[in-house]
Amino acid sequence: MSMKIQIAFNGAAGRMGNRLVALGFEDHSLKIVAGVDWAKNPSQGKDIGELAGIGALGVPLTADIPLDVRVDTLVDFSTPEGTMSILKTCMDRKIPLVVATTGHTLEQKQEILAAAHHIPVLFSPNMSLVVNVLFELTRVASKVLRDKGFDVEVIERHHRFKKDSPSGTALQFARIVQEEMGQTHLQHGREGFLGERPHHEIGVHAVRGGDNVGEHTVIFTTLGETLELVHKGHNRDSYAKGALAAAKYLTGKRPGSYQMEDVLGLGE
């Protein structure tokens, strides 16, 4: 029988971390060997399986990966600060890193991508299979509708607890449209007497409320017709499963920057 992949999670005590632990435990190709979270997290020292509601795994929550634990791959679903903290550990110990956290500054993003010179790094604004298919569909629609008089708006909805706005996924949709259609400005919401809508902008709108795990709508509209591309997440498992698939893909890879398209076989 082939050896199990030894996997660790950063942000293991969070909402996504709990789902990663539960789904990782169900995946017989994986063995969970470490769960990391902020040093001042009140759950430090507790069993990450019990935190995830699946019973004891014999793996305590720690502030860093224990030195005597071998890790084949790590999934970071934490905070931007959490990413930067674990990045050093992964580089020091040559651990492949999946970054599923959003909200990083430009400098932090550059530092994460620079780490790909030393270790395999997969840095994606969204881990969902269907969202990554929708990225491709958005690119196709943008290419076809370029210079044909279409306005583009991006709307995203998330739960009241989400800290960054707009979502990293919404910004990725906007970037794809800009690359293919050439708009130069992102307009985050609108208020006041702004005049007619200019063609060079993409409107980006963040809705926050309740327990919505994530919805994204890309609207292509012109005089006479509208195309909407929509993704609705029903629960967090789609993101966790995608992150686990990315971690398995990254195991044993050469240092470099990888994308969810590589994991899913999309693109070239």
C-alpha atoms as a PDB file:
ATOM      1  CA  MET A   1       0.000   0.000   0.000  1.00  0.00           C
ATOM      2  CA  SER A   2       1.297   3.485  -0.827  1.00  0.00           C
ATOM      3  CA  MET A   3       2.379   5.742   2.020  1.00  0.00           C
ATOM      4  CA  LYS A   4      -0.113   8.322   3.242  1.00  0.00           C
ATOM      5  CA  ILE A   5       0.644  11.995   2.632  1.00  0.00           C
ATOM      6  CA  GLN A   6       1.545  13.672   5.932  1.00  0.00           C
ATOM      7  CA  ILE A   7      -0.488  16.871   5.952  1.00  0.00           C
ATOM      8  CA  ALA A   8      -0.592  19.885   8.280  1.00  0.00           C
ATOM      9  CA  PHE A   9      -3.064  22.754   8.552  1.00  0.00           C
ATOM     10  CA  ASN A  10      -2.422  26.398   9.479  1.00  0.00           C
ATOM     11  CA  GLY A  11      -5.511  28.077  10.911  1.00  0.00           C
ATOM     12  CA  ALA A  12      -6.612  24.679  12.232  1.00  0.00           C
ATOM     13  CA  ALA A  13      -8.861  26.153  14.948  1.00  0.00           C
ATOM     14  CA  GLY A  14     -10.855  28.358  12.532  1.00  0.00           C
ATOM     15  CA  ARG A  15     -14.094  27.621  10.675  1.00  0.00           C
ATOM     16  CA  MET A  16     -12.277  26.447   7.536  1.00  0.00           C
ATOM     17  CA  GLY A  17      -9.599  24.727   9.606  1.00  0.00           C
ATOM     18  CA  ASN A  18     -12.219  22.600  11.338  1.00  0.00           C
ATOM     19  CA  ARG A  19     -13.642  21.467   7.994  1.00  0.00           C
ATOM     20  CA  LEU A  20     -10.143  20.713   6.652  1.00  0.00           C
ATOM     21  CA  VAL A  21      -9.454  18.521   9.672  1.00  0.00           C
ATOM     22  CA  ALA A  22     -12.790  16.688   9.359  1.00  0.00           C
ATOM     23  CA  LEU A  23     -12.527  16.107   5.592  1.00  0.00           C
ATOM     24  CA  GLY A  24      -8.793  15.372   5.772  1.00  0.00           C
ATOM     25  CA  PHE A  25      -9.519  12.659   8.329  1.00  0.00           C
ATOM     26  CA  GLU A  26     -12.053  11.089   5.929  1.00  0.00           C
ATOM     27  CA  ASP A  27      -9.484  11.024   3.086  1.00  0.00           C
ATOM     28  CA  HIS A  28      -7.607   7.729   3.356  1.00  0.00           C
ATOM     29  CA  SER A  29      -4.668   9.034   1.312  1.00  0.00           C
ATOM     30  CA  LEU A  30      -3.909  11.622   4.021  1.00  0.00           C
ATOM     31  CA  LYS A  31      -2.561  11.504   7.555  1.00  0.00           C
ATOM     32  CA  ILE A  32      -3.038  14.665   9.643  1.00  0.00           C
ATOM     33  CA  VAL A  33       0.174  15.257  11.582  1.00  0.00           C
ATOM     34  CA  ALA A  34      -0.040  18.891  12.761  1.00  0.00           C
ATOM     35  CA  GLY A  35      -2.542  21.686  13.369  1.00  0.00           C
ATOM     36  CA  VAL A  36      -1.208  25.212  13.811  1.00  0.00           C
ATOM     37  CA  ASP A  37      -2.893  28.427  14.927  1.00  0.00           C
ATOM     38  CA  TRP A  38      -2.127  31.764  16.572  1.00  0.00           C
ATOM     39  CA  ALA A  39      -0.082  31.362  19.762  1.00  0.00           C
ATOM     40  CA  LYS A  40      -2.717  33.231  21.807  1.00  0.00           C
ATOM     41  CA  ASN A  41      -5.630  31.139  20.504  1.00  0.00           C
ATOM     42  CA  PRO A  42      -7.508  29.896  23.603  1.00  0.00           C
ATOM     43  CA  SER A  43      -7.691  26.399  22.062  1.00  0.00           C
ATOM     44  CA  GLN A  44      -3.901  25.934  22.078  1.00  0.00           C
ATOM     45  CA  GLY A  45      -3.004  22.449  23.303  1.00  0.00           C
ATOM     46  CA  LYS A  46      -6.453  20.983  22.615  1.00  0.00           C
ATOM     47  CA  ASP A  47      -6.869  18.077  20.193  1.00  0.00           C
ATOM     48  CA  ILE A  48      -7.677  19.400  16.705  1.00  0.00           C
ATOM     49  CA  GLY A  49     -10.004  16.444  16.071  1.00  0.00           C
ATOM     50  CA  GLU A  50     -12.095  17.357  19.089  1.00  0.00           C
ATOM     51  CA  LEU A  51     -12.120  21.017  17.988  1.00  0.00           C
ATOM     52  CA  ALA A  52     -13.455  19.828  14.612  1.00  0.00           C
ATOM     53  CA  GLY A  53     -16.117  17.676  16.263  1.00  0.00           C
ATOM     54  CA  ILE A  54     -14.810  14.329  15.004  1.00  0.00           C
ATOM     55  CA  GLY A  55     -13.189  12.990  18.176  1.00  0.00           C
ATOM     56  CA  ALA A  56      -9.574  12.902  19.307  1.00  0.00           C
ATOM     57  CA  LEU A  57      -6.867  12.479  16.648  1.00  0.00           C
ATOM     58  CA  GLY A  58      -3.920  12.660  19.017  1.00  0.00           C
ATOM     59  CA  VAL A  59      -2.797  15.899  17.339  1.00  0.00           C
ATOM     60  CA  PRO A  60      -2.728  18.969  19.615  1.00  0.00           C
ATOM     61  CA  LEU A  61      -3.158  22.533  18.361  1.00  0.00           C
ATOM     62  CA  THR A  62       0.284  24.173  18.371  1.00  0.00           C
ATOM     63  CA  ALA A  63       1.735  27.615  17.586  1.00  0.00           C
ATOM     64  CA  ASP A  64       4.148  26.133  15.020  1.00  0.00           C
ATOM     65  CA  ILE A  65       4.880  22.740  13.465  1.00  0.00           C
ATOM     66  CA  PRO A  66       6.627  20.569  16.073  1.00  0.00           C
ATOM     67  CA  LEU A  67      10.268  19.957  15.134  1.00  0.00           C
ATOM     68  CA  ASP A  68       9.929  16.168  15.383  1.00  0.00           C
ATOM     69  CA  VAL A  69       6.997  16.010  12.935  1.00  0.00           C
ATOM     70  CA  ARG A  70       7.628  15.319   9.232  1.00  0.00           C
ATOM     71  CA  VAL A  71       5.224  17.216   6.966  1.00  0.00           C
ATOM     72  CA  ASP A  72       4.783  16.486   3.236  1.00  0.00           C
ATOM     73  CA  THR A  73       2.416  19.381   2.513  1.00  0.00           C
ATOM     74  CA  LEU A  74       0.667  22.210   4.375  1.00  0.00           C
ATOM     75  CA  VAL A  75      -2.617  24.034   3.776  1.00  0.00           C
ATOM     76  CA  ASP A  76      -2.866  27.609   5.060  1.00  0.00           C
ATOM     77  CA  PHE A  77      -6.444  28.775   5.669  1.00  0.00           C
ATOM     78  CA  SER A  78      -5.775  31.443   8.301  1.00  0.00           C
ATOM     79  CA  THR A  79      -5.152  35.203   8.216  1.00  0.00           C
ATOM     80  CA  PRO A  80      -2.603  37.202   6.199  1.00  0.00           C
ATOM     81  CA  GLU A  81      -0.421  37.399   9.331  1.00  0.00           C
ATOM     82  CA  GLY A  82      -0.811  33.653   9.827  1.00  0.00           C
ATOM     83  CA  THR A  83       0.322  33.023   6.251  1.00  0.00           C
ATOM     84  CA  MET A  84       3.481  35.083   6.663  1.00  0.00           C
ATOM     85  CA  SER A  85       4.316  33.307   9.914  1.00  0.00           C
ATOM     86  CA  ILE A  86       3.958  29.783   8.484  1.00  0.00           C
ATOM     87  CA  LEU A  87       5.714  30.798   5.241  1.00  0.00           C
ATOM     88  CA  LYS A  88       9.025  31.038   7.117  1.00  0.00           C
ATOM     89  CA  THR A  89       8.554  27.565   8.620  1.00  0.00           C
ATOM     90  CA  CYS A  90       7.690  26.044   5.230  1.00  0.00           C
ATOM     91  CA  MET A  91      10.740  27.627   3.588  1.00  0.00           C
ATOM     92  CA  ASP A  92      13.061  26.543   6.420  1.00  0.00           C
ATOM     93  CA  ARG A  93      11.769  22.954   6.284  1.00  0.00           C
ATOM     94  CA  LYS A  94      11.114  22.779   2.504  1.00  0.00           C
ATOM     95  CA  ILE A  95       7.395  22.040   2.957  1.00  0.00           C
ATOM     96  CA  PRO A  96       5.071  22.528  -0.081  1.00  0.00           C
ATOM     97  CA  LEU A  97       2.520  25.241   0.745  1.00  0.00           C
ATOM     98  CA  VAL A  98      -1.081  25.769  -0.355  1.00  0.00           C
ATOM     99  CA  VAL A  99      -2.214  29.325   0.470  1.00  0.00           C
ATOM    100  CA  ALA A 100      -6.014  29.513   0.577  1.00  0.00           C
ATOM    101  CA  THR A 101      -6.083  32.645   2.764  1.00  0.00           C
ATOM    102  CA  THR A 102      -7.200  35.963   1.230  1.00  0.00           C
ATOM    103  CA  GLY A 103      -6.744  39.625   2.140  1.00  0.00           C
ATOM    104  CA  HIS A 104      -2.950  39.874   1.766  1.00  0.00           C
ATOM    105  CA  THR A 105      -1.256  43.181   0.983  1.00  0.00           C
ATOM    106  CA  LEU A 106       0.624  43.531  -2.299  1.00  0.00           C
ATOM    107  CA  GLU A 107       3.923  43.196  -0.419  1.00  0.00           C
ATOM    108  CA  GLN A 108       2.751  40.004   1.299  1.00  0.00           C
ATOM    109  CA  LYS A 109       1.620  38.543  -2.035  1.00  0.00           C
ATOM    110  CA  GLN A 110       5.034  39.280  -3.549  1.00  0.00           C
ATOM    111  CA  GLU A 111       6.741  37.588  -0.601  1.00  0.00           C
ATOM    112  CA  ILE A 112       4.555  34.487  -0.971  1.00  0.00           C
ATOM    113  CA  LEU A 113       5.262  34.268  -4.703  1.00  0.00           C
ATOM    114  CA  ALA A 114       8.986  34.814  -4.091  1.00  0.00           C
ATOM    115  CA  ALA A 115       8.954  31.752  -1.820  1.00  0.00           C
ATOM    116  CA  ALA A 116       8.122  29.690  -4.917  1.00  0.00           C
ATOM    117  CA  HIS A 117      11.811  29.933  -5.878  1.00  0.00           C
ATOM    118  CA  HIS A 118      12.535  27.685  -2.897  1.00  0.00           C
ATOM    119  CA  ILE A 119       9.417  25.513  -2.363  1.00  0.00           C
ATOM    120  CA  PRO A 120       6.294  24.504  -4.315  1.00  0.00           C
ATOM    121  CA  VAL A 121       3.603  27.170  -3.686  1.00  0.00           C
ATOM    122  CA  LEU A 122      -0.018  27.127  -4.812  1.00  0.00           C
ATOM    123  CA  PHE A 123      -1.605  30.520  -4.092  1.00  0.00           C
ATOM    124  CA  SER A 124      -5.237  30.814  -5.175  1.00  0.00           C
ATOM    125  CA  PRO A 125      -7.989  33.313  -4.316  1.00  0.00           C
ATOM    126  CA  ASN A 126     -10.513  30.472  -4.361  1.00  0.00           C
ATOM    127  CA  MET A 127     -10.125  26.717  -3.900  1.00  0.00           C
ATOM    128  CA  SER A 128     -13.542  25.679  -5.250  1.00  0.00           C
ATOM    129  CA  LEU A 129     -13.581  23.493  -8.365  1.00  0.00           C
ATOM    130  CA  VAL A 130     -16.652  25.262  -9.751  1.00  0.00           C
ATOM    131  CA  VAL A 131     -15.309  28.767  -9.075  1.00  0.00           C
ATOM    132  CA  ASN A 132     -12.159  27.902 -11.007  1.00  0.00           C
ATOM    133  CA  VAL A 133     -14.296  26.676 -13.909  1.00  0.00           C
ATOM    134  CA  LEU A 134     -16.162  29.998 -13.671  1.00  0.00           C
ATOM    135  CA  PHE A 135     -12.840  31.880 -13.905  1.00  0.00           C
ATOM    136  CA  GLU A 136     -12.323  30.161 -17.274  1.00  0.00           C
ATOM    137  CA  LEU A 137     -15.882  30.888 -18.450  1.00  0.00           C
ATOM    138  CA  THR A 138     -15.439  34.548 -17.451  1.00  0.00           C
ATOM    139  CA  ARG A 139     -12.270  34.702 -19.526  1.00  0.00           C
ATOM    140  CA  VAL A 140     -14.074  33.228 -22.556  1.00  0.00           C
ATOM    141  CA  ALA A 141     -17.034  35.629 -22.227  1.00  0.00           C
ATOM    142  CA  SER A 142     -14.697  38.605 -21.791  1.00  0.00           C
ATOM    143  CA  LYS A 143     -12.738  37.727 -24.936  1.00  0.00           C
ATOM    144  CA  VAL A 144     -15.866  37.303 -27.032  1.00  0.00           C
ATOM    145  CA  LEU A 145     -17.626  40.452 -25.750  1.00  0.00           C
ATOM    146  CA  ARG A 146     -14.624  42.806 -25.889  1.00  0.00           C
ATOM    147  CA  ASP A 147     -15.328  46.075 -27.760  1.00  0.00           C
ATOM    148  CA  LYS A 148     -19.011  45.175 -28.163  1.00  0.00           C
ATOM    149  CA  GLY A 149     -20.441  47.791 -25.790  1.00  0.00           C
ATOM    150  CA  PHE A 150     -20.796  45.635 -22.662  1.00  0.00           C
ATOM    151  CA  ASP A 151     -20.605  46.961 -19.103  1.00  0.00           C
ATOM    152  CA  VAL A 152     -19.283  44.546 -16.449  1.00  0.00           C
ATOM    153  CA  GLU A 153     -20.193  44.444 -12.760  1.00  0.00           C
ATOM    154  CA  VAL A 154     -19.080  41.950 -10.102  1.00  0.00           C
ATOM    155  CA  ILE A 155     -21.248  41.288  -7.039  1.00  0.00           C
ATOM    156  CA  GLU A 156     -20.157  39.101  -4.130  1.00  0.00           C
ATOM    157  CA  ARG A 157     -22.081  38.036  -1.019  1.00  0.00           C
ATOM    158  CA  HIS A 158     -20.517  36.624   2.147  1.00  0.00           C
ATOM    159  CA  HIS A 159     -21.298  36.030   5.817  1.00  0.00           C
ATOM    160  CA  ARG A 160     -21.130  38.814   8.393  1.00  0.00           C
ATOM    161  CA  PHE A 161     -17.853  37.484   9.854  1.00  0.00           C
ATOM    162  CA  LYS A 162     -15.733  37.918   6.716  1.00  0.00           C
ATOM    163  CA  LYS A 163     -12.970  40.413   7.409  1.00  0.00           C
ATOM    164  CA  ASP A 164     -11.813  41.474   3.903  1.00  0.00           C
ATOM    165  CA  SER A 165     -13.928  43.253   1.286  1.00  0.00           C
ATOM    166  CA  PRO A 166     -14.299  42.707  -1.566  1.00  0.00           C
ATOM    167  CA  SER A 167     -13.422  39.027  -1.603  1.00  0.00           C
ATOM    168  CA  GLY A 168     -10.194  37.883  -3.228  1.00  0.00           C
ATOM    169  CA  THR A 169     -12.356  35.873  -5.618  1.00  0.00           C
ATOM    170  CA  ALA A 170     -14.308  38.949  -6.741  1.00  0.00           C
ATOM    171  CA  LEU A 171     -11.049  40.773  -7.389  1.00  0.00           C
ATOM    172  CA  GLN A 172      -9.812  37.804  -9.431  1.00  0.00           C
ATOM    173  CA  PHE A 173     -12.966  37.917 -11.594  1.00  0.00           C
ATOM    174  CA  ALA A 174     -12.376  41.647 -12.105  1.00  0.00           C
ATOM    175  CA  ARG A 175      -8.709  41.061 -13.002  1.00  0.00           C
ATOM    176  CA  ILE A 176      -9.650  38.454 -15.611  1.00  0.00           C
ATOM    177  CA  VAL A 177     -12.162  40.850 -17.202  1.00  0.00           C
ATOM    178  CA  GLN A 178      -9.596  43.677 -17.188  1.00  0.00           C
ATOM    179  CA  GLU A 179      -6.997  41.457 -18.870  1.00  0.00           C
ATOM    180  CA  GLU A 180      -9.380  40.498 -21.671  1.00  0.00           C
ATOM    181  CA  MET A 181     -11.522  43.654 -22.066  1.00  0.00           C
ATOM    182  CA  GLY A 182      -9.139  46.418 -20.998  1.00  0.00           C
ATOM    183  CA  GLN A 183     -11.048  48.310 -18.280  1.00  0.00           C
ATOM    184  CA  THR A 184      -8.677  50.469 -16.231  1.00  0.00           C
ATOM    185  CA  HIS A 185     -10.692  51.227 -13.083  1.00  0.00           C
ATOM    186  CA  LEU A 186     -12.432  49.219 -10.356  1.00  0.00           C
ATOM    187  CA  GLN A 187     -15.342  51.163  -8.854  1.00  0.00           C
ATOM    188  CA  HIS A 188     -16.069  49.848  -5.344  1.00  0.00           C
ATOM    189  CA  GLY A 189     -19.707  50.736  -4.778  1.00  0.00           C
ATOM    190  CA  ARG A 190     -21.366  53.984  -5.866  1.00  0.00           C
ATOM    191  CA  GLU A 191     -22.839  56.916  -4.037  1.00  0.00           C
ATOM    192  CA  GLY A 192     -23.818  60.441  -4.992  1.00  0.00           C
ATOM    193  CA  PHE A 193     -24.295  62.194  -8.317  1.00  0.00           C
ATOM    194  CA  LEU A 194     -21.631  60.387 -10.345  1.00  0.00           C
ATOM    195  CA  GLY A 195     -22.980  60.990 -13.822  1.00  0.00           C
ATOM    196  CA  GLU A 196     -23.267  58.351 -16.532  1.00  0.00           C
ATOM    197  CA  ARG A 197     -21.407  55.089 -16.063  1.00  0.00           C
ATOM    198  CA  PRO A 198     -18.061  55.193 -17.917  1.00  0.00           C
ATOM    199  CA  HIS A 199     -16.973  52.222 -20.040  1.00  0.00           C
ATOM    200  CA  HIS A 200     -13.494  51.972 -18.523  1.00  0.00           C
ATOM    201  CA  GLU A 201     -14.726  50.814 -15.094  1.00  0.00           C
ATOM    202  CA  ILE A 202     -15.858  47.547 -13.529  1.00  0.00           C
ATOM    203  CA  GLY A 203     -18.262  47.966 -10.619  1.00  0.00           C
ATOM    204  CA  VAL A 204     -17.373  45.729  -7.652  1.00  0.00           C
ATOM    205  CA  HIS A 205     -19.930  45.327  -4.862  1.00  0.00           C
ATOM    206  CA  ALA A 206     -19.568  43.474  -1.545  1.00  0.00           C
ATOM    207  CA  VAL A 207     -22.663  42.325   0.360  1.00  0.00           C
ATOM    208  CA  ARG A 208     -22.204  41.131   3.968  1.00  0.00           C
ATOM    209  CA  GLY A 209     -24.816  39.366   6.071  1.00  0.00           C
ATOM    210  CA  GLY A 210     -25.930  36.227   7.842  1.00  0.00           C
ATOM    211  CA  ASP A 211     -24.111  32.954   7.254  1.00  0.00           C
ATOM    212  CA  ASN A 212     -23.646  33.093   3.458  1.00  0.00           C
ATOM    213  CA  VAL A 213     -20.537  30.996   2.643  1.00  0.00           C
ATOM    214  CA  GLY A 214     -20.012  32.753  -0.677  1.00  0.00           C
ATOM    215  CA  GLU A 215     -21.789  33.835  -3.861  1.00  0.00           C
ATOM    216  CA  HIS A 216     -20.240  35.548  -6.871  1.00  0.00           C
ATOM    217  CA  THR A 217     -22.009  37.024  -9.889  1.00  0.00           C
ATOM    218  CA  VAL A 218     -20.265  38.443 -12.955  1.00  0.00           C
ATOM    219  CA  ILE A 219     -22.669  40.565 -15.014  1.00  0.00           C
ATOM    220  CA  PHE A 220     -22.035  41.365 -18.693  1.00  0.00           C
ATOM    221  CA  THR A 221     -24.759  43.764 -19.791  1.00  0.00           C
ATOM    222  CA  THR A 222     -25.452  46.040 -22.749  1.00  0.00           C
ATOM    223  CA  LEU A 223     -28.421  47.840 -24.288  1.00  0.00           C
ATOM    224  CA  GLY A 224     -30.886  45.031 -24.944  1.00  0.00           C
ATOM    225  CA  GLU A 225     -29.417  41.959 -23.202  1.00  0.00           C
ATOM    226  CA  THR A 226     -27.541  40.617 -20.188  1.00  0.00           C
ATOM    227  CA  LEU A 227     -25.372  37.605 -19.413  1.00  0.00           C
ATOM    228  CA  GLU A 228     -24.837  36.595 -15.770  1.00  0.00           C
ATOM    229  CA  LEU A 229     -22.311  34.013 -14.603  1.00  0.00           C
ATOM    230  CA  VAL A 230     -23.143  32.874 -11.067  1.00  0.00           C
ATOM    231  CA  HIS A 231     -21.584  30.619  -8.449  1.00  0.00           C
ATOM    232  CA  LYS A 232     -23.280  29.854  -5.115  1.00  0.00           C
ATOM    233  CA  GLY A 233     -21.466  27.991  -2.367  1.00  0.00           C
ATOM    234  CA  HIS A 234     -23.838  25.859  -0.262  1.00  0.00           C
ATOM    235  CA  ASN A 235     -21.283  25.145   2.459  1.00  0.00           C
ATOM    236  CA  ARG A 236     -17.546  25.450   3.081  1.00  0.00           C
ATOM    237  CA  ASP A 237     -16.754  21.906   2.031  1.00  0.00           C
ATOM    238  CA  SER A 238     -16.226  22.850  -1.629  1.00  0.00           C
ATOM    239  CA  TYR A 239     -13.368  25.145  -0.605  1.00  0.00           C
ATOM    240  CA  ALA A 240     -11.883  22.626   1.840  1.00  0.00           C
ATOM    241  CA  LYS A 241     -12.039  19.769  -0.693  1.00  0.00           C
ATOM    242  CA  GLY A 242     -10.356  21.916  -3.318  1.00  0.00           C
ATOM    243  CA  ALA A 243      -7.594  22.857  -0.864  1.00  0.00           C
ATOM    244  CA  LEU A 244      -7.013  19.185   0.004  1.00  0.00           C
ATOM    245  CA  ALA A 245      -6.841  18.317  -3.714  1.00  0.00           C
ATOM    246  CA  ALA A 246      -4.312  21.129  -4.181  1.00  0.00           C
ATOM    247  CA  ALA A 247      -2.224  19.836  -1.262  1.00  0.00           C
ATOM    248  CA  LYS A 248      -2.138  16.332  -2.711  1.00  0.00           C
ATOM    249  CA  TYR A 249      -1.194  17.715  -6.135  1.00  0.00           C
ATOM    250  CA  LEU A 250       1.636  19.797  -4.662  1.00  0.00           C
ATOM    251  CA  THR A 251       3.215  16.942  -2.710  1.00  0.00           C
ATOM    252  CA  GLY A 252       6.540  15.957  -4.274  1.00  0.00           C
ATOM    253  CA  LYS A 253       6.465  18.770  -6.856  1.00  0.00           C
ATOM    254  CA  ARG A 254       9.544  20.839  -7.706  1.00  0.00           C
ATOM    255  CA  PRO A 255       9.779  24.404  -6.308  1.00  0.00           C
ATOM    256  CA  GLY A 256       7.643  26.790  -8.311  1.00  0.00           C
ATOM    257  CA  SER A 257       4.367  28.680  -8.495  1.00  0.00           C
ATOM    258  CA  TYR A 258       1.314  26.520  -9.189  1.00  0.00           C
ATOM    259  CA  GLN A 259      -2.366  27.341  -9.846  1.00  0.00           C
ATOM    260  CA  MET A 260      -5.708  25.621  -9.305  1.00  0.00           C
ATOM    261  CA  GLU A 261      -5.858  25.295 -13.117  1.00  0.00           C
ATOM    262  CA  ASP A 262      -2.895  22.899 -12.802  1.00  0.00           C
ATOM    263  CA  VAL A 263      -4.706  20.836 -10.169  1.00  0.00           C
ATOM    264  CA  LEU A 264      -7.898  20.660 -12.238  1.00  0.00           C
ATOM    265  CA  GLY A 265      -6.302  20.266 -15.669  1.00  0.00           C
ATOM    266  CA  LEU A 266      -7.835  23.515 -16.953  1.00  0.00           C
ATOM    267  CA  GLY A 267      -6.157  25.854 -19.413  1.00  0.00           C
ATOM    268  CA  GLU A 268      -3.286  24.758 -21.622  1.00  0.00           C
END
